[in-house]
């Protein structure tokens, strides 16, 4: 089957091939972009997890300090 396009006769299978190649290139580009974004998000997530661990350690340290201060306060009240 043939198609008339801009005064040129092109076989339909040529048009299909061009369309498929264009789609494959676009898909490959999108896949590369997705992989790059996944790496970036992975790095950010890793940093956030580290931040959360550090905050938890700080929280525990503060709770220990507060507990020690409360014990001191109770001791002074009793004397």
Protein backbone atom coordinates (compact mmCIF):
# COMPACT_ATOMS: atom_id res chain seq x y z
CA UNK A 1 0.00 0.00 0.00
CA UNK A 2 1.31 3.46 -0.82
CA UNK A 3 0.58 6.91 0.59
CA UNK A 4 0.87 10.25 -1.12
CA UNK A 5 2.72 12.75 1.06
CA UNK A 6 4.00 16.09 -0.19
CA UNK A 7 3.99 14.83 -3.74
CA UNK A 8 6.12 11.84 -2.77
CA UNK A 9 4.94 8.28 -2.66
CA UNK A 10 6.10 6.50 0.46
CA UNK A 11 5.45 2.92 1.43
CA UNK A 12 3.38 2.58 4.59
CA UNK A 13 5.86 0.19 6.17
CA UNK A 14 8.54 2.91 5.89
CA UNK A 15 6.30 5.34 7.73
CA UNK A 16 5.62 2.71 10.41
CA UNK A 17 9.34 2.02 10.77
CA UNK A 18 10.12 5.72 11.19
CA UNK A 19 7.33 6.09 13.74
CA UNK A 20 8.52 3.02 15.71
CA UNK A 21 12.14 4.21 15.71
CA UNK A 22 11.07 7.63 16.91
CA UNK A 23 9.02 6.08 19.71
CA UNK A 24 11.89 3.82 20.74
CA UNK A 25 14.27 6.77 20.92
CA UNK A 26 11.81 8.75 22.98
CA UNK A 27 11.23 5.80 25.31
CA UNK A 28 14.97 5.31 25.74
CA UNK A 29 15.38 8.98 26.60
CA UNK A 30 12.57 8.82 29.15
CA UNK A 31 14.02 5.65 30.70
CA UNK A 32 17.43 7.36 31.10
CA UNK A 33 15.76 10.36 32.72
CA UNK A 34 13.85 8.11 35.11
CA UNK A 35 17.01 6.26 36.12
CA UNK A 36 18.80 9.55 36.74
CA UNK A 37 15.92 10.84 38.88
CA UNK A 38 15.85 7.56 40.82
CA UNK A 39 19.56 7.99 41.64
CA UNK A 40 19.01 11.58 42.76
CA UNK A 41 16.03 10.65 44.92
CA UNK A 42 17.97 7.72 46.38
CA UNK A 43 20.78 10.05 47.46
CA UNK A 44 18.35 12.53 49.01
CA UNK A 45 16.52 9.73 50.78
CA UNK A 46 19.79 8.38 52.15
CA UNK A 47 20.68 11.79 53.58
CA UNK A 48 17.22 12.16 55.10
CA UNK A 49 17.50 8.74 56.77
CA UNK A 50 20.84 9.80 58.24
CA UNK A 51 19.28 13.04 59.47
CA UNK A 52 16.45 11.13 61.13
CA UNK A 53 18.90 8.78 62.88
CA UNK A 54 20.89 11.76 64.13
CA UNK A 55 17.72 13.46 65.41
CA UNK A 56 16.70 10.29 67.23
CA UNK A 57 20.13 10.14 68.93
CA UNK A 58 19.82 13.79 69.92
CA UNK A 59 16.34 13.17 71.29
CA UNK A 60 17.61 10.29 73.42
CA UNK A 61 20.49 12.41 74.73
CA UNK A 62 18.08 15.19 75.67
CA UNK A 63 15.76 12.74 77.40
CA UNK A 64 18.71 11.38 79.42
CA UNK A 65 19.75 14.90 80.38
CA UNK A 66 16.19 15.82 81.40
CA UNK A 67 15.87 12.65 83.45
CA UNK A 68 19.13 13.41 85.24
CA UNK A 69 17.98 16.97 85.96
CA UNK A 70 14.64 15.74 87.30
CA UNK A 71 16.45 13.30 89.59
CA UNK A 72 18.63 16.15 90.87
CA UNK A 73 15.56 18.29 91.45
CA UNK A 74 13.84 15.51 93.42
CA UNK A 75 16.98 14.96 95.50
CA UNK A 76 17.17 18.65 96.37
CA UNK A 77 13.47 18.70 97.28
CA UNK A 78 13.95 15.80 99.67
CA UNK A 79 16.81 17.44 101.56
